[in-house]
Amino acid sequence: MPQGILLAFLAYSAYAVSDASVKLLHGTLSAYEAVFFGALSGVLALPLVRRPGERFSDVFRARRRGMWFLRAGTALTGSVGSVTAFTHLSMAEAFCLLFLMPTFVTILSVLFLREPVGWRRWGAVLMGFVGVLVVLRPGFRELNIGHLGAVVGGLSGAITVVTMRAFGKSETRMSLYGAGLIGPVVGAGLLMLPEFTWPTPMQWVWLLGYGLLMAAGNILVMLASARIPASLVAPAQYSQMIWAIILGWLIFGDHLDPVMALGAAIIILSGIFTFMREKVKMPRGWQRVPPVHPQ
């Protein structure tokens, strides 16, 4: 178990440095171009994703085609939203809003999976939205497209999780992971064409850092999930906030003001409480979530 927990923390540290890499582009390339090259790097993880008996061509196949296209679409919107958030916001603020994902998962699970949710989890949902209001302080500060991107990223990740809970058992891992690659590669590849510019050598460094570290994080999440339950892997994602504060201060000169720190703490507590209640209640589909990090 200690090995699995260590792998989970290493995975989310890789994701954090990946996000810092894309932020180092400072918006000099379009979000679509960054997502395209980042997703293309994810192809390197396919040999480790493939289970015995699965074929590489399974990335294009699914028993439920609608689920496959939904997974591909949310991978695209989630990736573009996240890149937009890290481009326009501090790392800590972007993570605050992206951490709304468990809150969205609870709401979507009720609406589409008909999961019973008690007052404690609804309380966690309310707590999450209170945390967001504290972070955003609407009416007291200017909001920008980065805030919208972060919310879209969190919501897209939640749709991915709910989709996997509903259909993960009937689909191959290659199909689920492949949809998460094909959506951003094709979608972002087409959207980047009008403004495409060939990256400079330094931009290639940040693009490769973004894509390769994301692929490494996916691999580490799968290795961790093979050793410990998903309920222990998921909370490790909040360690990204520590990395966000450290990297933001060292590299980007960001400072976490007290009000944002309070909001971040509320959102994180909300997410951790949600995971704890799911572990206790074992909602329908919990065991069907495959060990693939939702992009």
C-alpha atoms as a PDB file:
ATOM      1  CA  MET A   1       0.000   0.000   0.000  1.00  0.00           C
ATOM      2  CA  PRO A   2       2.730   2.597   0.776  1.00  0.00           C
ATOM      3  CA  GLN A   3       4.124   2.023  -2.734  1.00  0.00           C
ATOM      4  CA  GLY A   4       0.737   2.723  -4.316  1.00  0.00           C
ATOM      5  CA  ILE A   5       0.259   5.909  -2.290  1.00  0.00           C
ATOM      6  CA  LEU A   6       3.749   7.085  -3.257  1.00  0.00           C
ATOM      7  CA  LEU A   7       2.974   6.424  -6.940  1.00  0.00           C
ATOM      8  CA  ALA A   8      -0.261   8.437  -6.635  1.00  0.00           C
ATOM      9  CA  PHE A   9       1.589  11.444  -5.205  1.00  0.00           C
ATOM     10  CA  LEU A  10       4.270  11.139  -7.888  1.00  0.00           C
ATOM     11  CA  ALA A  11       1.533  11.067 -10.547  1.00  0.00           C
ATOM     12  CA  TYR A  12      -0.034  14.295  -9.370  1.00  0.00           C
ATOM     13  CA  SER A  13       3.333  15.990  -9.016  1.00  0.00           C
ATOM     14  CA  ALA A  14       3.946  15.087 -12.678  1.00  0.00           C
ATOM     15  CA  TYR A  15       0.581  16.630 -13.617  1.00  0.00           C
ATOM     16  CA  ALA A  16       1.440  19.808 -11.684  1.00  0.00           C
ATOM     17  CA  VAL A  17       4.787  20.252 -13.439  1.00  0.00           C
ATOM     18  CA  SER A  18       3.032  19.494 -16.743  1.00  0.00           C
ATOM     19  CA  ASP A  19       0.602  22.329 -16.055  1.00  0.00           C
ATOM     20  CA  ALA A  20       3.497  24.627 -15.146  1.00  0.00           C
ATOM     21  CA  SER A  21       5.119  23.757 -18.478  1.00  0.00           C
ATOM     22  CA  VAL A  22       2.078  24.830 -20.475  1.00  0.00           C
ATOM     23  CA  LYS A  23       1.837  28.007 -18.393  1.00  0.00           C
ATOM     24  CA  LEU A  24       5.447  28.794 -19.359  1.00  0.00           C
ATOM     25  CA  LEU A  25       4.219  29.236 -22.932  1.00  0.00           C
ATOM     26  CA  HIS A  26       2.530  32.422 -21.657  1.00  0.00           C
ATOM     27  CA  GLY A  27      -0.144  32.125 -24.340  1.00  0.00           C
ATOM     28  CA  THR A  28       2.355  32.496 -27.204  1.00  0.00           C
ATOM     29  CA  LEU A  29       0.719  29.498 -28.875  1.00  0.00           C
ATOM     30  CA  SER A  30      -3.022  28.908 -29.080  1.00  0.00           C
ATOM     31  CA  ALA A  31      -4.577  26.622 -26.476  1.00  0.00           C
ATOM     32  CA  TYR A  32      -5.637  24.304 -29.317  1.00  0.00           C
ATOM     33  CA  GLU A  33      -2.049  23.886 -30.498  1.00  0.00           C
ATOM     34  CA  ALA A  34      -0.823  23.138 -26.970  1.00  0.00           C
ATOM     35  CA  VAL A  35      -3.601  20.572 -26.479  1.00  0.00           C
ATOM     36  CA  PHE A  36      -2.881  18.931 -29.849  1.00  0.00           C
ATOM     37  CA  PHE A  37       0.806  18.340 -29.153  1.00  0.00           C
ATOM     38  CA  GLY A  38       0.098  17.407 -25.543  1.00  0.00           C
ATOM     39  CA  ALA A  39      -2.435  14.753 -26.523  1.00  0.00           C
ATOM     40  CA  LEU A  40      -0.138  13.472 -29.257  1.00  0.00           C
ATOM     41  CA  SER A  41       2.474  12.781 -26.580  1.00  0.00           C
ATOM     42  CA  GLY A  42      -0.064  10.611 -24.766  1.00  0.00           C
ATOM     43  CA  VAL A  43       0.286   8.008 -27.501  1.00  0.00           C
ATOM     44  CA  LEU A  44       3.511   6.954 -25.760  1.00  0.00           C
ATOM     45  CA  ALA A  45       1.473   5.546 -22.869  1.00  0.00           C
ATOM     46  CA  LEU A  46      -0.610   3.215 -25.065  1.00  0.00           C
ATOM     47  CA  PRO A  47       1.689   0.154 -24.724  1.00  0.00           C
ATOM     48  CA  LEU A  48       1.344   0.370 -20.933  1.00  0.00           C
ATOM     49  CA  VAL A  49      -2.418   0.908 -21.089  1.00  0.00           C
ATOM     50  CA  ARG A  50      -3.085  -2.151 -23.248  1.00  0.00           C
ATOM     51  CA  ARG A  51      -4.263  -5.217 -21.373  1.00  0.00           C
ATOM     52  CA  PRO A  52      -3.674  -8.798 -22.582  1.00  0.00           C
ATOM     53  CA  GLY A  53      -6.032  -9.562 -25.451  1.00  0.00           C
ATOM     54  CA  GLU A  54      -6.606  -5.915 -26.357  1.00  0.00           C
ATOM     55  CA  ARG A  55      -5.407  -4.470 -29.648  1.00  0.00           C
ATOM     56  CA  PHE A  56      -4.079  -1.031 -30.415  1.00  0.00           C
ATOM     57  CA  SER A  57      -6.904  -0.596 -32.925  1.00  0.00           C
ATOM     58  CA  ASP A  58      -9.333  -0.758 -29.981  1.00  0.00           C
ATOM     59  CA  VAL A  59      -8.685   2.954 -29.389  1.00  0.00           C
ATOM     60  CA  PHE A  60     -11.132   3.556 -32.255  1.00  0.00           C
ATOM     61  CA  ARG A  61     -13.697   0.972 -31.162  1.00  0.00           C
ATOM     62  CA  ALA A  62     -16.424   0.980 -28.553  1.00  0.00           C
ATOM     63  CA  ARG A  63     -19.464  -1.110 -27.786  1.00  0.00           C
ATOM     64  CA  ARG A  64     -21.326   2.117 -27.012  1.00  0.00           C
ATOM     65  CA  ARG A  65     -20.376   4.622 -29.687  1.00  0.00           C
ATOM     66  CA  GLY A  66     -22.212   7.469 -27.984  1.00  0.00           C
ATOM     67  CA  MET A  67     -20.129   6.959 -24.856  1.00  0.00           C
ATOM     68  CA  TRP A  68     -16.919   6.957 -26.922  1.00  0.00           C
ATOM     69  CA  PHE A  69     -17.771  10.262 -28.615  1.00  0.00           C
ATOM     70  CA  LEU A  70     -18.838  11.813 -25.301  1.00  0.00           C
ATOM     71  CA  ARG A  71     -15.524  10.754 -23.748  1.00  0.00           C
ATOM     72  CA  ALA A  72     -13.631  12.180 -26.743  1.00  0.00           C
ATOM     73  CA  GLY A  73     -15.561  15.445 -26.598  1.00  0.00           C
ATOM     74  CA  THR A  74     -15.097  16.001 -22.866  1.00  0.00           C
ATOM     75  CA  ALA A  75     -11.386  15.190 -23.185  1.00  0.00           C
ATOM     76  CA  LEU A  76     -11.151  18.000 -25.755  1.00  0.00           C
ATOM     77  CA  THR A  77     -13.145  20.562 -23.763  1.00  0.00           C
ATOM     78  CA  GLY A  78     -11.427  19.581 -20.522  1.00  0.00           C
ATOM     79  CA  SER A  79      -7.934  19.922 -21.994  1.00  0.00           C
ATOM     80  CA  VAL A  80      -8.670  23.240 -23.714  1.00  0.00           C
ATOM     81  CA  GLY A  81     -10.353  24.550 -20.569  1.00  0.00           C
ATOM     82  CA  SER A  82      -7.409  23.565 -18.376  1.00  0.00           C
ATOM     83  CA  VAL A  83      -4.795  25.073 -20.712  1.00  0.00           C
ATOM     84  CA  THR A  84      -6.845  28.288 -20.894  1.00  0.00           C
ATOM     85  CA  ALA A  85      -7.091  28.392 -17.105  1.00  0.00           C
ATOM     86  CA  PHE A  86      -3.362  27.955 -16.520  1.00  0.00           C
ATOM     87  CA  THR A  87      -2.580  30.513 -19.216  1.00  0.00           C
ATOM     88  CA  HIS A  88      -4.709  33.282 -17.693  1.00  0.00           C
ATOM     89  CA  LEU A  89      -4.756  32.482 -13.956  1.00  0.00           C
ATOM     90  CA  SER A  90      -2.230  31.758 -11.255  1.00  0.00           C
ATOM     91  CA  MET A  91      -1.653  28.040 -10.779  1.00  0.00           C
ATOM     92  CA  ALA A  92      -3.265  28.071  -7.332  1.00  0.00           C
ATOM     93  CA  GLU A  93      -6.414  29.827  -8.555  1.00  0.00           C
ATOM     94  CA  ALA A  94      -6.721  27.510 -11.561  1.00  0.00           C
ATOM     95  CA  PHE A  95      -6.479  24.442  -9.329  1.00  0.00           C
ATOM     96  CA  CYS A  96      -9.046  25.878  -6.914  1.00  0.00           C
ATOM     97  CA  LEU A  97     -11.677  25.894  -9.651  1.00  0.00           C
ATOM     98  CA  LEU A  98     -10.575  22.636 -11.281  1.00  0.00           C
ATOM     99  CA  PHE A  99     -10.997  20.982  -7.871  1.00  0.00           C
ATOM    100  CA  LEU A 100     -14.740  21.513  -8.272  1.00  0.00           C
ATOM    101  CA  MET A 101     -14.744  18.221 -10.179  1.00  0.00           C
ATOM    102  CA  PRO A 102     -15.911  16.045  -7.209  1.00  0.00           C
ATOM    103  CA  THR A 103     -18.769  18.481  -6.617  1.00  0.00           C
ATOM    104  CA  PHE A 104     -19.849  18.195 -10.246  1.00  0.00           C
ATOM    105  CA  VAL A 105     -19.476  14.390 -10.055  1.00  0.00           C
ATOM    106  CA  THR A 106     -21.966  14.252  -7.181  1.00  0.00           C
ATOM    107  CA  ILE A 107     -24.540  16.357  -9.044  1.00  0.00           C
ATOM    108  CA  LEU A 108     -24.164  14.448 -12.326  1.00  0.00           C
ATOM    109  CA  SER A 109     -24.269  11.076 -10.543  1.00  0.00           C
ATOM    110  CA  VAL A 110     -27.659  11.993  -9.101  1.00  0.00           C
ATOM    111  CA  LEU A 111     -28.995  13.256 -12.423  1.00  0.00           C
ATOM    112  CA  PHE A 112     -27.726  10.503 -14.724  1.00  0.00           C
ATOM    113  CA  LEU A 113     -26.785   7.477 -12.578  1.00  0.00           C
ATOM    114  CA  ARG A 114     -29.634   7.917 -10.091  1.00  0.00           C
ATOM    115  CA  GLU A 115     -27.188   7.460  -7.217  1.00  0.00           C
ATOM    116  CA  PRO A 116     -28.690   8.105  -3.779  1.00  0.00           C
ATOM    117  CA  VAL A 117     -26.962  11.051  -2.127  1.00  0.00           C
ATOM    118  CA  GLY A 118     -27.480  11.904   1.536  1.00  0.00           C
ATOM    119  CA  TRP A 119     -27.415  15.240   3.264  1.00  0.00           C
ATOM    120  CA  ARG A 120     -23.688  14.955   4.033  1.00  0.00           C
ATOM    121  CA  ARG A 121     -22.665  14.807   0.370  1.00  0.00           C
ATOM    122  CA  TRP A 122     -25.129  17.573  -0.505  1.00  0.00           C
ATOM    123  CA  GLY A 123     -23.510  19.565   2.277  1.00  0.00           C
ATOM    124  CA  ALA A 124     -20.135  18.957   0.628  1.00  0.00           C
ATOM    125  CA  VAL A 125     -21.569  20.208  -2.687  1.00  0.00           C
ATOM    126  CA  LEU A 126     -22.780  23.400  -1.018  1.00  0.00           C
ATOM    127  CA  MET A 127     -19.409  23.786   0.702  1.00  0.00           C
ATOM    128  CA  GLY A 128     -17.643  23.482  -2.668  1.00  0.00           C
ATOM    129  CA  PHE A 129     -19.699  26.278  -4.206  1.00  0.00           C
ATOM    130  CA  VAL A 130     -19.156  28.484  -1.139  1.00  0.00           C
ATOM    131  CA  GLY A 131     -15.415  27.932  -1.606  1.00  0.00           C
ATOM    132  CA  VAL A 132     -15.698  29.027  -5.237  1.00  0.00           C
ATOM    133  CA  LEU A 133     -17.512  32.230  -4.242  1.00  0.00           C
ATOM    134  CA  VAL A 134     -14.747  32.959  -1.741  1.00  0.00           C
ATOM    135  CA  VAL A 135     -12.062  32.425  -4.408  1.00  0.00           C
ATOM    136  CA  LEU A 136     -13.810  34.365  -7.170  1.00  0.00           C
ATOM    137  CA  ARG A 137     -15.247  37.172  -5.018  1.00  0.00           C
ATOM    138  CA  PRO A 138     -17.718  38.172  -7.770  1.00  0.00           C
ATOM    139  CA  GLY A 139     -18.329  41.903  -7.802  1.00  0.00           C
ATOM    140  CA  PHE A 140     -15.043  42.619  -6.041  1.00  0.00           C
ATOM    141  CA  ARG A 141     -12.597  41.571  -8.760  1.00  0.00           C
ATOM    142  CA  GLU A 142     -12.500  41.183 -12.522  1.00  0.00           C
ATOM    143  CA  LEU A 143     -13.120  37.705 -13.930  1.00  0.00           C
ATOM    144  CA  ASN A 144     -11.619  36.534 -17.220  1.00  0.00           C
ATOM    145  CA  ILE A 145     -11.708  33.642 -19.678  1.00  0.00           C
ATOM    146  CA  GLY A 146      -9.334  31.682 -17.450  1.00  0.00           C
ATOM    147  CA  HIS A 147     -12.027  31.339 -14.789  1.00  0.00           C
ATOM    148  CA  LEU A 148     -14.471  30.012 -17.390  1.00  0.00           C
ATOM    149  CA  GLY A 149     -11.804  27.620 -18.690  1.00  0.00           C
ATOM    150  CA  ALA A 150     -11.182  26.208 -15.201  1.00  0.00           C
ATOM    151  CA  VAL A 151     -14.890  25.596 -14.576  1.00  0.00           C
ATOM    152  CA  VAL A 152     -15.254  23.954 -18.007  1.00  0.00           C
ATOM    153  CA  GLY A 153     -12.214  21.800 -17.219  1.00  0.00           C
ATOM    154  CA  GLY A 154     -13.673  20.657 -13.896  1.00  0.00           C
ATOM    155  CA  LEU A 155     -17.097  19.964 -15.396  1.00  0.00           C
ATOM    156  CA  SER A 156     -15.581  18.049 -18.330  1.00  0.00           C
ATOM    157  CA  GLY A 157     -13.565  15.915 -15.930  1.00  0.00           C
ATOM    158  CA  ALA A 158     -16.715  15.176 -13.938  1.00  0.00           C
ATOM    159  CA  ILE A 159     -18.614  14.096 -17.067  1.00  0.00           C
ATOM    160  CA  THR A 160     -15.709  11.782 -17.891  1.00  0.00           C
ATOM    161  CA  VAL A 161     -15.811  10.201 -14.423  1.00  0.00           C
ATOM    162  CA  VAL A 162     -19.581   9.686 -14.533  1.00  0.00           C
ATOM    163  CA  THR A 163     -19.356   8.238 -18.046  1.00  0.00           C
ATOM    164  CA  MET A 164     -16.690   5.786 -16.929  1.00  0.00           C
ATOM    165  CA  ARG A 165     -18.763   4.758 -13.937  1.00  0.00           C
ATOM    166  CA  ALA A 166     -21.728   4.074 -16.184  1.00  0.00           C
ATOM    167  CA  PHE A 167     -19.982   2.321 -19.076  1.00  0.00           C
ATOM    168  CA  GLY A 168     -16.456   1.505 -17.913  1.00  0.00           C
ATOM    169  CA  LYS A 169     -17.224  -2.163 -17.314  1.00  0.00           C
ATOM    170  CA  SER A 170     -18.462  -2.739 -20.860  1.00  0.00           C
ATOM    171  CA  GLU A 171     -15.545  -1.026 -22.617  1.00  0.00           C
ATOM    172  CA  THR A 172     -11.876  -1.902 -22.978  1.00  0.00           C
ATOM    173  CA  ARG A 173      -9.247   0.250 -21.317  1.00  0.00           C
ATOM    174  CA  MET A 174      -7.754   0.975 -24.742  1.00  0.00           C
ATOM    175  CA  SER A 175     -11.103   2.309 -25.942  1.00  0.00           C
ATOM    176  CA  LEU A 176     -11.572   4.582 -22.928  1.00  0.00           C
ATOM    177  CA  TYR A 177      -8.011   5.887 -22.994  1.00  0.00           C
ATOM    178  CA  GLY A 178      -7.981   6.136 -26.783  1.00  0.00           C
ATOM    179  CA  ALA A 179     -11.088   8.322 -26.856  1.00  0.00           C
ATOM    180  CA  GLY A 180      -9.298  10.657 -24.442  1.00  0.00           C
ATOM    181  CA  LEU A 181      -6.481  10.973 -26.988  1.00  0.00           C
ATOM    182  CA  ILE A 182      -8.391  10.998 -30.275  1.00  0.00           C
ATOM    183  CA  GLY A 183     -10.778  13.753 -29.160  1.00  0.00           C
ATOM    184  CA  PRO A 184      -8.037  16.325 -28.386  1.00  0.00           C
ATOM    185  CA  VAL A 185      -5.787  15.246 -31.287  1.00  0.00           C
ATOM    186  CA  VAL A 186      -8.513  15.517 -33.936  1.00  0.00           C
ATOM    187  CA  GLY A 187     -10.566  18.323 -32.403  1.00  0.00           C
ATOM    188  CA  ALA A 188      -7.670  20.563 -31.342  1.00  0.00           C
ATOM    189  CA  GLY A 189      -5.779  19.664 -34.521  1.00  0.00           C
ATOM    190  CA  LEU A 190      -8.583  21.077 -36.660  1.00  0.00           C
ATOM    191  CA  LEU A 191      -9.213  24.105 -34.452  1.00  0.00           C
ATOM    192  CA  MET A 192      -5.547  25.130 -34.365  1.00  0.00           C
ATOM    193  CA  LEU A 193      -5.152  25.310 -38.163  1.00  0.00           C
ATOM    194  CA  PRO A 194      -6.323  28.944 -38.710  1.00  0.00           C
ATOM    195  CA  GLU A 195      -3.735  30.325 -36.242  1.00  0.00           C
ATOM    196  CA  PHE A 196      -1.071  27.641 -36.437  1.00  0.00           C
ATOM    197  CA  THR A 197       2.522  28.775 -36.007  1.00  0.00           C
ATOM    198  CA  TRP A 198       5.500  26.429 -35.903  1.00  0.00           C
ATOM    199  CA  PRO A 199       6.875  26.345 -32.331  1.00  0.00           C
ATOM    200  CA  THR A 200      10.289  27.782 -31.561  1.00  0.00           C
ATOM    201  CA  PRO A 201      12.917  25.497 -29.907  1.00  0.00           C
ATOM    202  CA  MET A 202      12.013  26.818 -26.429  1.00  0.00           C
ATOM    203  CA  GLN A 203       8.301  26.410 -27.109  1.00  0.00           C
ATOM    204  CA  TRP A 204       9.005  22.800 -28.075  1.00  0.00           C
ATOM    205  CA  VAL A 205      10.627  22.311 -24.655  1.00  0.00           C
ATOM    206  CA  TRP A 206       7.499  23.496 -22.866  1.00  0.00           C
ATOM    207  CA  LEU A 207       5.153  21.577 -25.196  1.00  0.00           C
ATOM    208  CA  LEU A 208       7.067  18.345 -24.711  1.00  0.00           C
ATOM    209  CA  GLY A 209       7.231  18.943 -20.974  1.00  0.00           C
ATOM    210  CA  TYR A 210       3.474  19.438 -20.925  1.00  0.00           C
ATOM    211  CA  GLY A 211       2.659  16.363 -23.018  1.00  0.00           C
ATOM    212  CA  LEU A 212       5.283  13.893 -21.776  1.00  0.00           C
ATOM    213  CA  LEU A 213       4.716  14.683 -18.094  1.00  0.00           C
ATOM    214  CA  MET A 214       0.972  14.301 -18.599  1.00  0.00           C
ATOM    215  CA  ALA A 215       1.584  10.887 -20.175  1.00  0.00           C
ATOM    216  CA  ALA A 216       3.894   9.991 -17.267  1.00  0.00           C
ATOM    217  CA  GLY A 217       1.179  11.049 -14.825  1.00  0.00           C
ATOM    218  CA  ASN A 218      -1.356   8.807 -16.580  1.00  0.00           C
ATOM    219  CA  ILE A 219       1.011   5.856 -16.340  1.00  0.00           C
ATOM    220  CA  LEU A 220       1.717   6.505 -12.661  1.00  0.00           C
ATOM    221  CA  VAL A 221      -2.014   6.785 -11.891  1.00  0.00           C
ATOM    222  CA  MET A 222      -2.595   3.402 -13.522  1.00  0.00           C
ATOM    223  CA  LEU A 223       0.294   1.841 -11.578  1.00  0.00           C
ATOM    224  CA  ALA A 224      -1.023   3.324  -8.341  1.00  0.00           C
ATOM    225  CA  SER A 225      -4.587   2.150  -9.057  1.00  0.00           C
ATOM    226  CA  ALA A 226      -3.309  -1.398  -9.548  1.00  0.00           C
ATOM    227  CA  ARG A 227      -1.972  -1.339  -5.970  1.00  0.00           C
ATOM    228  CA  ILE A 228      -4.478   0.687  -3.942  1.00  0.00           C
ATOM    229  CA  PRO A 229      -8.225   1.449  -4.216  1.00  0.00           C
ATOM    230  CA  ALA A 230      -9.416   4.411  -6.282  1.00  0.00           C
ATOM    231  CA  SER A 231     -10.659   6.017  -3.038  1.00  0.00           C
ATOM    232  CA  LEU A 232      -7.015   6.349  -1.937  1.00  0.00           C
ATOM    233  CA  VAL A 233      -5.662   7.471  -5.317  1.00  0.00           C
ATOM    234  CA  ALA A 234      -8.157  10.306  -5.836  1.00  0.00           C
ATOM    235  CA  PRO A 235      -7.448  12.423  -2.709  1.00  0.00           C
ATOM    236  CA  ALA A 236      -3.753  12.598  -3.676  1.00  0.00           C
ATOM    237  CA  GLN A 237      -4.744  15.034  -6.423  1.00  0.00           C
ATOM    238  CA  TYR A 238      -5.033  17.777  -3.806  1.00  0.00           C
ATOM    239  CA  SER A 239      -1.267  17.653  -3.340  1.00  0.00           C
ATOM    240  CA  GLN A 240      -1.232  19.602  -6.608  1.00  0.00           C
ATOM    241  CA  MET A 241      -2.223  22.685  -4.618  1.00  0.00           C
ATOM    242  CA  ILE A 242       1.060  22.467  -2.691  1.00  0.00           C
ATOM    243  CA  TRP A 243       2.937  22.183  -5.976  1.00  0.00           C
ATOM    244  CA  ALA A 244       0.899  25.075  -7.393  1.00  0.00           C
ATOM    245  CA  ILE A 245       1.884  27.339  -4.508  1.00  0.00           C
ATOM    246  CA  ILE A 246       5.560  26.327  -4.688  1.00  0.00           C
ATOM    247  CA  LEU A 247       5.881  26.498  -8.485  1.00  0.00           C
ATOM    248  CA  GLY A 248       3.759  29.626  -8.704  1.00  0.00           C
ATOM    249  CA  TRP A 249       5.993  31.410  -6.194  1.00  0.00           C
ATOM    250  CA  LEU A 250       9.333  30.149  -7.547  1.00  0.00           C
ATOM    251  CA  ILE A 251       8.665  30.434 -11.287  1.00  0.00           C
ATOM    252  CA  PHE A 252       5.834  32.896 -11.841  1.00  0.00           C
ATOM    253  CA  GLY A 253       6.095  35.149  -8.805  1.00  0.00           C
ATOM    254  CA  ASP A 254       2.527  34.336  -7.710  1.00  0.00           C
ATOM    255  CA  HIS A 255       1.356  34.925  -4.162  1.00  0.00           C
ATOM    256  CA  LEU A 256      -1.570  33.198  -2.459  1.00  0.00           C
ATOM    257  CA  ASP A 257      -3.572  35.848  -0.637  1.00  0.00           C
ATOM    258  CA  PRO A 258      -5.406  34.880   2.598  1.00  0.00           C
ATOM    259  CA  VAL A 259      -8.894  35.007   1.060  1.00  0.00           C
ATOM    260  CA  MET A 260      -7.941  32.696  -1.818  1.00  0.00           C
ATOM    261  CA  ALA A 261      -6.196  30.365   0.642  1.00  0.00           C
ATOM    262  CA  LEU A 262      -9.432  30.171   2.655  1.00  0.00           C
ATOM    263  CA  GLY A 263     -11.461  29.417  -0.473  1.00  0.00           C
ATOM    264  CA  ALA A 264      -8.966  26.762  -1.557  1.00  0.00           C
ATOM    265  CA  ALA A 265      -9.151  25.110   1.864  1.00  0.00           C
ATOM    266  CA  ILE A 266     -12.975  25.011   1.713  1.00  0.00           C
ATOM    267  CA  ILE A 267     -12.978  23.478  -1.795  1.00  0.00           C
ATOM    268  CA  ILE A 268     -10.344  20.883  -0.867  1.00  0.00           C
ATOM    269  CA  LEU A 269     -12.203  19.880   2.312  1.00  0.00           C
ATOM    270  CA  SER A 270     -15.384  19.581   0.258  1.00  0.00           C
ATOM    271  CA  GLY A 271     -13.679  17.266  -2.258  1.00  0.00           C
ATOM    272  CA  ILE A 272     -12.010  15.097   0.391  1.00  0.00           C
ATOM    273  CA  PHE A 273     -15.296  14.743   2.288  1.00  0.00           C
ATOM    274  CA  THR A 274     -17.027  13.710  -0.943  1.00  0.00           C
ATOM    275  CA  PHE A 275     -14.438  10.986  -1.564  1.00  0.00           C
ATOM    276  CA  MET A 276     -14.809   9.759   2.041  1.00  0.00           C
ATOM    277  CA  ARG A 277     -18.573   9.503   1.758  1.00  0.00           C
ATOM    278  CA  GLU A 278     -18.329   7.693  -1.590  1.00  0.00           C
ATOM    279  CA  LYS A 279     -15.988   5.170   0.013  1.00  0.00           C
ATOM    280  CA  VAL A 280     -18.518   4.564   2.778  1.00  0.00           C
ATOM    281  CA  LYS A 281     -21.601   4.438   0.564  1.00  0.00           C
ATOM    282  CA  MET A 282     -19.941   2.708  -2.414  1.00  0.00           C
ATOM    283  CA  PRO A 283     -22.170   4.374  -5.030  1.00  0.00           C
ATOM    284  CA  ARG A 284     -23.233   2.409  -8.061  1.00  0.00           C
ATOM    285  CA  GLY A 285     -20.439   2.231 -10.577  1.00  0.00           C
ATOM    286  CA  TRP A 286     -17.638   3.083  -8.100  1.00  0.00           C
ATOM    287  CA  GLN A 287     -15.797  -0.161  -8.820  1.00  0.00           C
ATOM    288  CA  ARG A 288     -16.245   0.331 -12.549  1.00  0.00           C
ATOM    289  CA  VAL A 289     -14.054   3.424 -12.774  1.00  0.00           C
ATOM    290  CA  PRO A 290     -10.966   2.195 -14.633  1.00  0.00           C
ATOM    291  CA  PRO A 291      -7.491   3.322 -13.552  1.00  0.00           C
ATOM    292  CA  VAL A 292      -7.246   6.019 -16.237  1.00  0.00           C
ATOM    293  CA  HIS A 293      -6.870   9.645 -15.236  1.00  0.00           C
ATOM    294  CA  PRO A 294      -9.676  11.710 -16.827  1.00  0.00           C
ATOM    295  CA  GLN A 295      -8.083  14.408 -18.993  1.00  0.00           C
END
